[in-house]
Amino acid sequence: PLEALAAGCCWSAQVRDRTRVRRDLWDRAEEDTLTGLFLRTMRARLSAAGPEERETLELAVRFGLAALEHGEDCRP
């Protein structure tokens, strides 16, 4: 359907679906891995953080997980 819409104005169009299934950010926290250690440490920091710091820390967890998993940002 999207390719058909673009066909009238483009010589060639290709659509790639790169969506991913949303997962719980903390699913891997209990693993005995670097990722698990990172998540446990960040969860402890979040528990001690004030409301003004929580959003920044949650974003740091998302970017940290993406870096550890060699992926993209996993924003909701």
C-alpha atoms as a PDB file:
ATOM      1  CA  PRO A   1       0.000   0.000   0.000  1.00  0.00           C
ATOM      2  CA  LEU A   2       2.703   2.581   0.844  1.00  0.00           C
ATOM      3  CA  GLU A   3       4.723   1.566  -2.192  1.00  0.00           C
ATOM      4  CA  ALA A   4       1.644   2.091  -4.383  1.00  0.00           C
ATOM      5  CA  LEU A   5       1.182   5.610  -2.968  1.00  0.00           C
ATOM      6  CA  ALA A   6       4.801   6.515  -3.707  1.00  0.00           C
ATOM      7  CA  ALA A   7       4.739   4.982  -7.197  1.00  0.00           C
ATOM      8  CA  GLY A   8       3.114   8.069  -8.718  1.00  0.00           C
ATOM      9  CA  CYS A   9       5.838  10.442  -7.561  1.00  0.00           C
ATOM     10  CA  CYS A  10       8.938   8.228  -7.333  1.00  0.00           C
ATOM     11  CA  TRP A  11      10.776   6.106  -9.855  1.00  0.00           C
ATOM     12  CA  SER A  12      11.406   3.488  -7.198  1.00  0.00           C
ATOM     13  CA  ALA A  13      10.280   3.055  -3.623  1.00  0.00           C
ATOM     14  CA  GLN A  14      11.074   0.432  -1.050  1.00  0.00           C
ATOM     15  CA  VAL A  15       9.497   0.121   2.387  1.00  0.00           C
ATOM     16  CA  ARG A  16      11.165  -1.740   5.242  1.00  0.00           C
ATOM     17  CA  ASP A  17       9.334  -2.593   8.421  1.00  0.00           C
ATOM     18  CA  ARG A  18      11.821  -2.204  11.266  1.00  0.00           C
ATOM     19  CA  THR A  19       9.315  -2.226  14.080  1.00  0.00           C
ATOM     20  CA  ARG A  20      10.071  -4.351  17.107  1.00  0.00           C
ATOM     21  CA  VAL A  21       7.951  -5.944  19.766  1.00  0.00           C
ATOM     22  CA  ARG A  22       7.936  -3.762  22.846  1.00  0.00           C
ATOM     23  CA  ARG A  23       9.456  -5.418  25.882  1.00  0.00           C
ATOM     24  CA  ASP A  24       9.759  -4.618  29.532  1.00  0.00           C
ATOM     25  CA  LEU A  25      12.822  -2.476  30.143  1.00  0.00           C
ATOM     26  CA  TRP A  26      13.799  -4.461  33.237  1.00  0.00           C
ATOM     27  CA  ASP A  27      13.261  -8.020  31.898  1.00  0.00           C
ATOM     28  CA  ARG A  28      16.969  -8.851  31.931  1.00  0.00           C
ATOM     29  CA  ALA A  29      17.839  -7.285  35.305  1.00  0.00           C
ATOM     30  CA  GLU A  30      18.368 -10.606  37.075  1.00  0.00           C
ATOM     31  CA  GLU A  31      20.740 -12.027  34.464  1.00  0.00           C
ATOM     32  CA  ASP A  32      24.317 -12.739  35.540  1.00  0.00           C
ATOM     33  CA  THR A  33      25.652 -10.592  32.701  1.00  0.00           C
ATOM     34  CA  LEU A  34      26.959  -7.084  32.147  1.00  0.00           C
ATOM     35  CA  THR A  35      23.471  -6.120  30.989  1.00  0.00           C
ATOM     36  CA  GLY A  36      21.949  -7.487  34.200  1.00  0.00           C
ATOM     37  CA  LEU A  37      24.510  -5.638  36.319  1.00  0.00           C
ATOM     38  CA  PHE A  38      23.839  -2.408  34.424  1.00  0.00           C
ATOM     39  CA  LEU A  39      20.075  -2.754  34.890  1.00  0.00           C
ATOM     40  CA  ARG A  40      20.338  -3.551  38.603  1.00  0.00           C
ATOM     41  CA  THR A  41      22.646  -0.572  39.161  1.00  0.00           C
ATOM     42  CA  MET A  42      20.376   1.786  37.241  1.00  0.00           C
ATOM     43  CA  ARG A  43      17.267   0.468  39.029  1.00  0.00           C
ATOM     44  CA  ALA A  44      18.933   1.276  42.370  1.00  0.00           C
ATOM     45  CA  ARG A  45      19.805   4.778  41.133  1.00  0.00           C
ATOM     46  CA  LEU A  46      16.225   5.289  39.963  1.00  0.00           C
ATOM     47  CA  SER A  47      14.876   4.230  43.350  1.00  0.00           C
ATOM     48  CA  ALA A  48      17.013   6.859  45.056  1.00  0.00           C
ATOM     49  CA  ALA A  49      16.384   9.596  42.463  1.00  0.00           C
ATOM     50  CA  GLY A  50      14.104  12.550  42.816  1.00  0.00           C
ATOM     51  CA  PRO A  51      11.297  13.216  40.327  1.00  0.00           C
ATOM     52  CA  GLU A  52      13.398  15.707  38.345  1.00  0.00           C
ATOM     53  CA  GLU A  53      16.106  13.100  37.763  1.00  0.00           C
ATOM     54  CA  ARG A  54      13.921  10.080  36.904  1.00  0.00           C
ATOM     55  CA  GLU A  55      13.244  10.962  33.261  1.00  0.00           C
ATOM     56  CA  THR A  56      16.960  11.430  32.555  1.00  0.00           C
ATOM     57  CA  LEU A  57      17.853   8.138  34.233  1.00  0.00           C
ATOM     58  CA  GLU A  58      15.137   6.229  32.356  1.00  0.00           C
ATOM     59  CA  LEU A  59      16.472   7.592  29.083  1.00  0.00           C
ATOM     60  CA  ALA A  60      20.000   6.608  30.149  1.00  0.00           C
ATOM     61  CA  VAL A  61      18.765   3.053  30.756  1.00  0.00           C
ATOM     62  CA  ARG A  62      17.240   2.895  27.270  1.00  0.00           C
ATOM     63  CA  PHE A  63      20.391   4.192  25.576  1.00  0.00           C
ATOM     64  CA  GLY A  64      22.622   2.007  27.750  1.00  0.00           C
ATOM     65  CA  LEU A  65      20.630  -1.097  26.830  1.00  0.00           C
ATOM     66  CA  ALA A  66      20.782  -0.180  23.156  1.00  0.00           C
ATOM     67  CA  ALA A  67      24.566   0.183  23.376  1.00  0.00           C
ATOM     68  CA  LEU A  68      24.968  -3.118  25.221  1.00  0.00           C
ATOM     69  CA  GLU A  69      22.742  -4.919  22.722  1.00  0.00           C
ATOM     70  CA  HIS A  70      24.315  -3.235  19.671  1.00  0.00           C
ATOM     71  CA  GLY A  71      20.951  -1.848  18.692  1.00  0.00           C
ATOM     72  CA  GLU A  72      19.031   1.324  18.269  1.00  0.00           C
ATOM     73  CA  ASP A  73      17.283   3.405  20.889  1.00  0.00           C
ATOM     74  CA  CYS A  74      14.329   1.389  22.203  1.00  0.00           C
ATOM     75  CA  ARG A  75      11.957   4.178  23.062  1.00  0.00           C
ATOM     76  CA  PRO A  76       8.331   3.226  23.582  1.00  0.00           C
END
